[in-house]
Amino acid sequence: MPSAVRFGVNYTPSVGWFHHWLDFDLDSVRTDLDSIAALGLDHIRVFPLWPYFQPNRALIRPRAVEQLLQLVDAAGERGLDVNVDGLQGHLSSFDFLPAWTRTWHRRNLFTDPEVLDGQAAYLRTLAAALADRPHFIGMTLGNEVNQFSVGPPHPDPDRASSTQIDDWLERMLAACEEGAPGRLHLHAEYDATWYQDDMPFTPGQAARRGAVTAVHSWVFNGTAQRHGRTSVPTEHHAAYLIELSKAWADDPHRPVWLQEVGAPAPLIPPEHAAAFTEATVAAALDCPDLWGITWWCSHDVSRDLADFPELEYGLGLLTNDRRPKDSARTLARAAREHHHKPAPRTTALLVPADPAVRSLCAPGGPVFEAFFRLTSDGARPTTVLDARADDKEHLAARGITEVVSPDQVLPIPQGEARS
């Protein structure tokens, strides 16, 4: 764990969005990074687009890798450390997959031997190129790659079993470690990993594989629709995912990285984004073992670009012309003033260990609703697997002194008796 919580931002270039790799302009990147560093943040997460960097399975473009190094060096010159996502993958509703995996060459991203060889070579190459950069944090395998593994919502999924996904994670993380030994390498998925019963990426994998657990918190998943923008569930959703992840971790103090969180309009209107940011960050900082908070995202998407979902255009902390918004000032103040020494969370809510029923933890499910009932009542709950409810050593290591089940917390439906 770092001595203090890290505060950073997911870097969305102000000119060209992630297509900037096609017309890479280091001066524009430097100006973007100046506007990020001015907020007092300490790191960025960056996104090479996989088909631009590896357009053929046997070709990893040296010029593209060199441009990535230039970006990382420019960030380091401004005091910004850098996490690099490898397999992009999926960003802001668009898929970016190389032609050698699609259509006439359609092959499964998680199981095809040649695709696996190509992915591992790509991740190893990026990691090795970055290994000697002092401001390089480590690799994330890709951005929310679990969305490719099941459908719906994906229209053309690359289906795989949980066992096959586990093998894929092990091999890809090993490739990163081979390229850059000892760095902070991890994988990151969107919240279906924690909420969707048939998702082959499991909570156990998220909480046990890689150097830290990553959670991506978006309240457009039903939370804000069900409870409203100023509700306890909406303002504490990120904290809930942080604490939910701990149920599956073997290490009682495994670091958790809130790697993506943002204020999506219209559920969070622009005039309320700063208040949402302040509440979300405060709740997350009350979670022990927090590695860092990385806001989505740095700069707004230019209105010159077409076909993005409407909410994507305004998620930046800074406008497209690099002016800070109120939410940017709020995050900057938190980074400057925070003191992260939260007490252990002594009350733990039972979570089913079986991932086939993880929807009980989703918005509207009994685990979700019980967690926020406790939070609303002033408690500071965490979670524990039902299989560990009687493990005194595990509970003691986490500082847990009370274990409760959802039906002990939630009101009894009218006409029913509690057994």
Protein backbone atom coordinates (compact mmCIF):
# COMPACT_ATOMS: atom_id res chain seq x y z
CA MET A 1 0.00 0.00 0.00
CA PRO A 2 1.20 3.55 -0.68
CA SER A 3 1.64 5.78 2.36
CA ALA A 4 -1.27 7.91 1.12
CA VAL A 5 -4.17 7.33 -1.21
CA ARG A 6 -3.32 8.06 -4.84
CA PHE A 7 -5.45 10.59 -6.73
CA GLY A 8 -5.48 10.51 -10.50
CA VAL A 9 -7.49 10.65 -13.67
CA ASN A 10 -8.13 8.51 -16.73
CA TYR A 11 -6.48 10.49 -19.52
CA THR A 12 -8.77 11.31 -22.45
CA PRO A 13 -6.83 13.46 -24.95
CA SER A 14 -8.55 16.77 -25.67
CA VAL A 15 -7.67 16.61 -29.36
CA GLY A 16 -8.80 13.54 -31.29
CA TRP A 17 -9.84 11.53 -28.21
CA PHE A 18 -8.02 8.15 -28.27
CA HIS A 19 -7.71 8.43 -32.03
CA HIS A 20 -4.88 10.85 -31.25
CA TRP A 21 -2.54 7.86 -31.63
CA LEU A 22 -3.14 8.12 -35.39
CA ASP A 23 -1.91 11.75 -35.46
CA PHE A 24 0.21 11.82 -32.33
CA ASP A 25 1.06 15.38 -31.30
CA LEU A 26 3.39 15.46 -28.31
CA ASP A 27 2.93 19.21 -27.81
CA SER A 28 -0.85 18.76 -27.49
CA VAL A 29 -0.31 15.87 -25.07
CA ARG A 30 2.05 17.98 -22.98
CA THR A 31 -0.50 20.77 -22.76
CA ASP A 32 -3.17 18.27 -21.67
CA LEU A 33 -0.81 16.90 -19.02
CA ASP A 34 -0.06 20.42 -17.79
CA SER A 35 -3.78 20.94 -17.17
CA ILE A 36 -3.97 17.65 -15.25
CA ALA A 37 -0.86 18.31 -13.18
CA ALA A 38 -2.22 21.76 -12.28
CA LEU A 39 -4.98 20.01 -10.33
CA GLY A 40 -2.40 18.44 -8.00
CA LEU A 41 -3.14 14.87 -9.10
CA ASP A 42 -0.37 12.28 -9.01
CA HIS A 43 -1.12 9.76 -11.75
CA ILE A 44 -2.91 9.05 -15.00
CA ARG A 45 -4.22 5.91 -16.67
CA VAL A 46 -3.60 5.83 -20.42
CA PHE A 47 -5.09 3.80 -23.25
CA PRO A 48 -3.15 2.63 -26.30
CA LEU A 49 -5.70 1.43 -28.85
CA TRP A 50 -4.85 -2.20 -29.53
CA PRO A 51 -5.54 -2.31 -33.30
CA TYR A 52 -3.41 0.82 -33.82
CA PHE A 53 -0.48 -0.70 -31.91
CA GLN A 54 -0.77 -4.31 -33.13
CA PRO A 55 -2.58 -4.21 -36.50
CA ASN A 56 -1.23 -7.64 -37.43
CA ARG A 57 -0.64 -10.48 -35.01
CA ALA A 58 3.06 -10.47 -35.93
CA LEU A 59 3.44 -6.66 -36.03
CA ILE A 60 3.69 -4.51 -32.91
CA ARG A 61 4.44 -1.09 -34.38
CA PRO A 62 7.74 0.29 -32.99
CA ARG A 63 6.67 3.87 -33.73
CA ALA A 64 3.48 3.46 -31.70
CA VAL A 65 5.44 2.03 -28.76
CA GLU A 66 7.86 4.96 -29.00
CA GLN A 67 4.96 7.42 -28.89
CA LEU A 68 3.64 5.71 -25.77
CA LEU A 69 7.06 6.13 -24.17
CA GLN A 70 7.05 9.81 -25.12
CA LEU A 71 3.69 10.24 -23.39
CA VAL A 72 4.91 8.44 -20.26
CA ASP A 73 8.09 10.53 -20.18
CA ALA A 74 6.10 13.74 -20.59
CA ALA A 75 3.86 12.71 -17.71
CA GLY A 76 6.87 11.93 -15.54
CA GLU A 77 8.32 15.37 -16.25
CA ARG A 78 5.14 16.78 -14.70
CA GLY A 79 5.21 14.54 -11.64
CA LEU A 80 2.54 12.17 -12.94
CA ASP A 81 2.93 8.41 -12.64
CA VAL A 82 1.34 6.30 -15.38
CA ASN A 83 -0.69 3.10 -15.50
CA VAL A 84 -1.00 1.68 -19.02
CA ASP A 85 -3.99 -0.33 -20.22
CA GLY A 86 -3.01 -2.90 -22.83
CA LEU A 87 -5.86 -4.55 -24.70
CA GLN A 88 -8.13 -1.72 -25.83
CA GLY A 89 -10.52 -3.24 -26.21
CA HIS A 90 -13.61 -1.30 -25.33
CA LEU A 91 -13.90 2.42 -24.59
CA SER A 92 -16.96 4.66 -24.29
CA SER A 93 -19.29 2.27 -26.19
CA PHE A 94 -16.82 1.56 -29.03
CA ASP A 95 -14.95 -1.71 -29.55
CA PHE A 96 -11.34 -1.57 -30.77
CA LEU A 97 -10.28 -5.04 -31.80
CA PRO A 98 -7.66 -5.87 -34.44
CA ALA A 99 -8.80 -7.26 -37.77
CA TRP A 100 -6.94 -10.49 -37.11
CA THR A 101 -9.57 -11.39 -34.48
CA ARG A 102 -12.74 -10.39 -36.37
CA THR A 103 -14.94 -11.19 -39.40
CA TRP A 104 -12.99 -13.40 -41.84
CA HIS A 105 -10.43 -14.12 -39.11
CA ARG A 106 -12.98 -14.49 -36.31
CA ARG A 107 -11.25 -16.09 -33.31
CA ASN A 108 -12.10 -16.16 -29.63
CA LEU A 109 -10.26 -13.51 -27.61
CA PHE A 110 -9.98 -15.72 -24.54
CA THR A 111 -9.40 -19.23 -25.88
CA ASP A 112 -7.83 -19.23 -29.35
CA PRO A 113 -4.15 -20.29 -29.06
CA GLU A 114 -2.87 -17.89 -31.72
CA VAL A 115 -4.82 -14.96 -30.31
CA LEU A 116 -3.45 -15.75 -26.86
CA ASP A 117 0.10 -15.80 -28.26
CA GLY A 118 -0.46 -12.44 -29.91
CA GLN A 119 -1.98 -10.84 -26.83
CA ALA A 120 0.78 -12.10 -24.56
CA ALA A 121 3.47 -10.86 -26.95
CA TYR A 122 1.82 -7.44 -27.12
CA LEU A 123 1.47 -7.04 -23.35
CA ARG A 124 5.02 -8.28 -22.79
CA THR A 125 6.37 -5.85 -25.38
CA LEU A 126 4.62 -2.81 -23.88
CA ALA A 127 5.63 -3.77 -20.34
CA ALA A 128 9.26 -4.35 -21.33
CA ALA A 129 9.46 -1.02 -23.13
CA LEU A 130 8.12 0.74 -20.03
CA ALA A 131 10.03 -1.25 -17.42
CA ASP A 132 12.87 1.23 -16.92
CA ARG A 133 10.62 4.30 -16.68
CA PRO A 134 10.53 5.40 -13.01
CA HIS A 135 7.05 6.91 -13.42
CA PHE A 136 5.53 3.68 -14.81
CA ILE A 137 3.14 2.14 -12.27
CA GLY A 138 2.33 -1.05 -14.13
CA MET A 139 -0.03 -2.61 -16.68
CA THR A 140 -3.76 -3.11 -16.59
CA LEU A 141 -4.59 -5.95 -18.98
CA GLY A 142 -7.35 -3.98 -20.65
CA ASN A 143 -10.40 -1.86 -20.07
CA GLU A 144 -13.46 -3.83 -18.95
CA VAL A 145 -12.61 -6.76 -21.18
CA ASN A 146 -15.28 -8.82 -19.42
CA GLN A 147 -17.88 -7.10 -21.63
CA PHE A 148 -16.60 -9.24 -24.54
CA SER A 149 -17.21 -12.53 -22.73
CA VAL A 150 -20.99 -12.71 -22.51
CA GLY A 151 -24.03 -11.37 -24.29
CA PRO A 152 -26.23 -9.51 -23.94
CA PRO A 153 -25.39 -6.67 -23.74
CA HIS A 154 -22.53 -7.39 -26.16
CA PRO A 155 -23.89 -8.16 -29.64
CA ASP A 156 -21.06 -10.53 -30.64
CA PRO A 157 -19.54 -12.10 -27.53
CA ASP A 158 -16.41 -14.24 -27.27
CA ARG A 159 -17.87 -16.81 -24.91
CA ALA A 160 -15.65 -18.58 -22.41
CA SER A 161 -15.99 -20.50 -19.18
CA SER A 162 -14.78 -19.18 -15.85
CA THR A 163 -11.97 -21.74 -15.97
CA GLN A 164 -10.87 -20.50 -19.40
CA ILE A 165 -11.03 -16.90 -18.17
CA ASP A 166 -8.89 -17.84 -15.18
CA ASP A 167 -6.29 -19.37 -17.50
CA TRP A 168 -6.40 -16.24 -19.68
CA LEU A 169 -5.89 -13.94 -16.68
CA GLU A 170 -2.98 -16.02 -15.39
CA ARG A 171 -1.20 -16.03 -18.74
CA MET A 172 -1.72 -12.31 -19.48
CA LEU A 173 -0.65 -11.17 -16.03
CA ALA A 174 2.43 -13.39 -16.35
CA ALA A 175 3.28 -11.72 -19.67
CA CYS A 176 3.15 -8.30 -17.99
CA GLU A 177 5.36 -9.54 -15.17
CA GLU A 178 7.85 -11.02 -17.64
CA GLY A 179 8.10 -7.67 -19.39
CA ALA A 180 8.27 -5.47 -16.26
CA PRO A 181 9.04 -7.53 -13.16
CA GLY A 182 7.83 -6.19 -9.85
CA ARG A 183 5.46 -3.54 -11.16
CA LEU A 184 1.80 -3.20 -10.17
CA HIS A 185 0.07 -5.36 -12.79
CA LEU A 186 -3.69 -5.94 -12.58
CA HIS A 187 -6.89 -6.61 -14.48
CA ALA A 188 -10.08 -4.55 -14.43
CA GLU A 189 -13.71 -5.28 -15.26
CA TYR A 190 -16.99 -3.43 -15.17
CA ASP A 191 -19.44 -4.24 -12.41
CA ALA A 192 -21.09 -7.25 -14.06
CA THR A 193 -18.23 -9.17 -12.44
CA TRP A 194 -19.80 -8.41 -9.08
CA TYR A 195 -23.49 -8.35 -10.10
CA GLN A 196 -24.24 -10.67 -13.05
CA ASP A 197 -24.84 -14.36 -12.32
CA ASP A 198 -23.63 -15.73 -15.68
CA MET A 199 -20.55 -13.52 -16.07
CA PRO A 200 -17.50 -15.84 -16.50
CA PHE A 201 -15.20 -13.20 -14.95
CA THR A 202 -15.84 -13.87 -11.26
CA PRO A 203 -15.51 -11.86 -8.05
CA GLY A 204 -12.92 -14.33 -6.82
CA GLN A 205 -10.72 -13.66 -9.84
CA ALA A 206 -11.08 -9.90 -9.42
CA ALA A 207 -10.15 -10.06 -5.73
CA ARG A 208 -7.32 -12.58 -5.97
CA ARG A 209 -5.52 -12.23 -9.30
CA GLY A 210 -3.19 -9.31 -9.93
CA ALA A 211 -1.48 -6.95 -7.51
CA VAL A 212 -4.62 -5.06 -6.48
CA THR A 213 -8.38 -5.34 -6.89
CA ALA A 214 -9.85 -2.83 -9.36
CA VAL A 215 -13.45 -1.65 -9.19
CA HIS A 216 -15.28 0.54 -11.71
CA SER A 217 -18.24 2.37 -10.21
CA TRP A 218 -20.96 3.74 -12.47
CA VAL A 219 -24.32 4.69 -10.99
CA PHE A 220 -26.14 4.38 -14.32
CA ASN A 221 -26.30 0.63 -13.54
CA GLY A 222 -29.73 1.03 -11.90
CA THR A 223 -28.50 2.64 -8.71
CA ALA A 224 -29.27 6.27 -9.57
CA GLN A 225 -32.39 5.30 -11.53
CA ARG A 226 -33.79 3.43 -8.54
CA HIS A 227 -32.65 5.67 -5.69
CA GLY A 228 -32.03 9.16 -7.12
CA ARG A 229 -28.94 11.33 -7.47
CA THR A 230 -28.58 12.42 -3.82
CA SER A 231 -29.43 9.09 -2.22
CA VAL A 232 -27.13 7.15 0.08
CA PRO A 233 -26.80 4.29 -2.47
CA THR A 234 -25.84 6.68 -5.28
CA GLU A 235 -23.32 8.67 -3.25
CA HIS A 236 -21.87 5.53 -1.60
CA HIS A 237 -21.95 3.15 -4.57
CA ALA A 238 -18.19 3.33 -5.07
CA ALA A 239 -17.60 2.62 -1.38
CA TYR A 240 -19.99 -0.32 -1.63
CA LEU A 241 -18.02 -1.89 -4.49
CA ILE A 242 -14.77 -1.36 -2.59
CA GLU A 243 -16.16 -3.12 0.47
CA LEU A 244 -18.01 -5.78 -1.56
CA SER A 245 -14.75 -6.79 -3.23
CA LYS A 246 -13.19 -7.55 0.14
CA ALA A 247 -15.54 -10.46 0.75
CA TRP A 248 -13.70 -12.51 -1.90
CA ALA A 249 -10.13 -11.43 -1.15
CA ASP A 250 -7.84 -13.96 0.51
CA ASP A 251 -5.53 -11.21 1.76
CA PRO A 252 -7.45 -9.44 4.57
CA HIS A 253 -5.76 -6.17 3.62
CA ARG A 254 -5.60 -6.49 -0.15
CA PRO A 255 -5.44 -3.01 -1.72
CA VAL A 256 -8.46 -1.90 -3.74
CA TRP A 257 -8.17 0.64 -6.55
CA LEU A 258 -11.25 2.69 -7.45
CA GLN A 259 -9.96 2.83 -11.00
CA GLU A 260 -13.00 4.36 -12.67
CA VAL A 261 -15.73 6.53 -11.23
CA GLY A 262 -17.53 9.46 -12.82
CA ALA A 263 -20.61 11.65 -12.79
CA PRO A 264 -22.82 10.57 -15.70
CA ALA A 265 -25.47 12.99 -16.98
CA PRO A 266 -28.42 13.23 -16.96
CA LEU A 267 -28.62 11.03 -13.86
CA ILE A 268 -26.04 13.32 -12.29
CA PRO A 269 -26.77 16.72 -13.92
CA PRO A 270 -23.70 18.87 -14.63
CA GLU A 271 -24.67 21.39 -11.96
CA HIS A 272 -24.62 18.59 -9.37
CA ALA A 273 -21.42 16.85 -10.53
CA ALA A 274 -19.22 18.59 -7.96
CA ALA A 275 -21.49 17.60 -5.07
CA PHE A 276 -21.58 14.01 -6.32
CA THR A 277 -17.79 14.01 -6.65
CA GLU A 278 -17.34 15.31 -3.12
CA ALA A 279 -19.73 12.77 -1.61
CA THR A 280 -18.35 9.83 -3.60
CA VAL A 281 -14.73 10.61 -2.75
CA ALA A 282 -15.51 11.15 0.95
CA ALA A 283 -17.29 7.80 1.16
CA ALA A 284 -14.47 5.99 -0.66
CA LEU A 285 -11.85 7.53 1.62
CA ASP A 286 -13.68 5.99 4.57
CA CYS A 287 -12.77 2.53 3.23
CA PRO A 288 -9.63 0.91 4.68
CA ASP A 289 -6.99 -0.43 2.27
CA LEU A 290 -7.89 1.97 -0.54
CA TRP A 291 -5.00 2.21 -3.05
CA GLY A 292 -6.29 5.14 -5.03
CA ILE A 293 -9.08 7.00 -6.80
CA THR A 294 -8.82 7.59 -10.55
CA TRP A 295 -11.63 9.74 -11.93
CA TRP A 296 -13.21 9.26 -15.33
CA CYS A 297 -12.08 11.27 -17.08
CA SER A 298 -9.63 14.12 -17.71
CA HIS A 299 -11.08 16.09 -20.65
CA ASP A 300 -14.49 16.23 -22.31
CA VAL A 301 -14.92 14.56 -25.68
CA SER A 302 -15.02 17.12 -28.48
CA ARG A 303 -18.41 17.78 -30.01
CA ASP A 304 -16.65 17.58 -33.35
CA LEU A 305 -16.60 13.79 -32.91
CA ALA A 306 -19.74 11.86 -33.80
CA ASP A 307 -21.78 8.96 -32.46
CA PHE A 308 -20.77 8.91 -28.80
CA PRO A 309 -23.52 8.32 -26.25
CA GLU A 310 -24.55 11.76 -25.04
CA LEU A 311 -23.21 11.26 -21.51
CA GLU A 312 -19.67 10.62 -22.81
CA TYR A 313 -19.23 14.17 -24.10
CA GLY A 314 -19.35 15.80 -20.66
CA LEU A 315 -17.62 13.40 -18.26
CA GLY A 316 -14.34 15.32 -18.13
CA LEU A 317 -13.00 17.13 -15.10
CA LEU A 318 -11.82 19.68 -17.65
CA THR A 319 -13.61 21.03 -20.67
CA ASN A 320 -12.44 20.16 -24.15
CA ASP A 321 -10.45 23.42 -24.15
CA ARG A 322 -8.80 22.37 -20.85
CA ARG A 323 -10.67 24.62 -18.40
CA PRO A 324 -11.30 23.01 -14.98
CA LYS A 325 -14.88 22.44 -13.88
CA ASP A 326 -16.18 22.62 -10.32
CA SER A 327 -15.80 18.84 -10.06
CA ALA A 328 -12.09 19.20 -10.91
CA ARG A 329 -11.65 21.72 -8.11
CA THR A 330 -13.48 19.36 -5.76
CA LEU A 331 -11.19 16.43 -6.59
CA ALA A 332 -8.12 18.67 -6.37
CA ARG A 333 -9.16 19.82 -2.91
CA ALA A 334 -9.67 16.23 -1.78
CA ALA A 335 -6.24 15.26 -3.09
CA ARG A 336 -4.70 18.18 -1.27
CA GLU A 337 -6.52 17.87 2.06
CA HIS A 338 -7.41 14.21 2.60
CA HIS A 339 -6.18 12.18 5.57
CA HIS A 340 -6.81 8.51 4.90
CA LYS A 341 -6.74 6.72 8.22
CA PRO A 342 -10.18 5.13 8.46
CA ALA A 343 -10.93 2.81 11.34
CA PRO A 344 -11.69 -0.84 10.55
CA ARG A 345 -15.26 -1.59 9.54
CA THR A 346 -16.42 -3.84 12.35
CA THR A 347 -19.85 -4.89 11.02
CA ALA A 348 -19.84 -7.33 8.10
CA LEU A 349 -22.79 -8.21 5.90
CA LEU A 350 -23.00 -11.80 4.67
CA VAL A 351 -22.48 -12.33 0.94
CA PRO A 352 -23.15 -15.64 -0.82
CA ALA A 353 -19.89 -17.29 -1.88
CA ASP A 354 -21.55 -18.87 -4.94
CA PRO A 355 -20.97 -16.54 -7.94
CA ALA A 356 -24.04 -18.06 -9.61
CA VAL A 357 -26.21 -15.95 -7.27
CA ARG A 358 -24.11 -12.76 -7.21
CA SER A 359 -27.13 -10.80 -8.51
CA LEU A 360 -28.19 -10.74 -4.84
CA CYS A 361 -25.46 -8.09 -4.53
CA ALA A 362 -26.73 -5.99 -7.46
CA PRO A 363 -28.94 -2.88 -7.19
CA GLY A 364 -32.29 -4.01 -5.80
CA GLY A 365 -30.82 -7.22 -4.39
CA PRO A 366 -30.97 -7.97 -0.66
CA VAL A 367 -27.21 -7.59 -0.06
CA PHE A 368 -27.15 -4.24 -1.84
CA GLU A 369 -30.23 -2.92 -0.05
CA ALA A 370 -29.10 -4.19 3.37
CA PHE A 371 -25.69 -2.57 2.96
CA PHE A 372 -27.28 0.80 2.37
CA ARG A 373 -29.84 0.36 5.13
CA LEU A 374 -26.91 -0.10 7.50
CA THR A 375 -25.10 2.87 5.97
CA SER A 376 -28.18 5.07 6.28
CA ASP A 377 -28.45 4.09 9.95
CA GLY A 378 -24.91 5.33 10.57
CA ALA A 379 -23.07 2.03 10.46
CA ARG A 380 -19.90 1.51 8.42
CA PRO A 381 -20.48 -1.97 6.98
CA THR A 382 -18.16 -4.20 5.05
CA THR A 383 -18.88 -7.68 3.65
CA VAL A 384 -17.79 -11.25 4.29
CA LEU A 385 -18.51 -14.49 2.42
CA ASP A 386 -21.01 -16.77 4.09
CA ALA A 387 -18.36 -19.51 3.84
CA ARG A 388 -16.11 -17.41 6.11
CA ALA A 389 -18.72 -16.31 8.61
CA ASP A 390 -17.28 -18.60 11.29
CA ASP A 391 -13.61 -18.11 10.41
CA LYS A 392 -12.47 -16.30 13.53
CA GLU A 393 -8.94 -15.77 12.25
CA HIS A 394 -10.19 -14.12 9.05
CA LEU A 395 -12.68 -11.93 10.90
CA ALA A 396 -10.08 -10.85 13.43
CA ALA A 397 -7.56 -9.97 10.73
CA ARG A 398 -10.09 -7.63 9.20
CA GLY A 399 -11.28 -6.17 12.51
CA ILE A 400 -14.79 -7.60 12.13
CA THR A 401 -16.66 -8.08 15.41
CA GLU A 402 -20.24 -8.52 14.16
CA VAL A 403 -21.65 -10.49 11.23
CA VAL A 404 -25.22 -9.93 10.06
CA SER A 405 -27.32 -11.34 7.25
CA PRO A 406 -29.46 -9.24 4.89
CA ASP A 407 -32.69 -10.59 6.36
CA GLN A 408 -31.61 -9.39 9.79
CA VAL A 409 -31.22 -5.87 8.40
CA LEU A 410 -34.08 -5.42 5.96
CA PRO A 411 -37.69 -4.88 7.08
CA ILE A 412 -39.95 -7.93 7.12
CA PRO A 413 -42.42 -7.83 4.19
CA GLN A 414 -45.97 -7.32 5.36
CA GLY A 415 -47.69 -10.62 6.12
CA GLU A 416 -44.47 -12.58 6.50
CA ALA A 417 -42.76 -13.83 9.62
CA ARG A 418 -39.03 -14.05 9.98
CA SER A 419 -37.85 -17.60 10.58
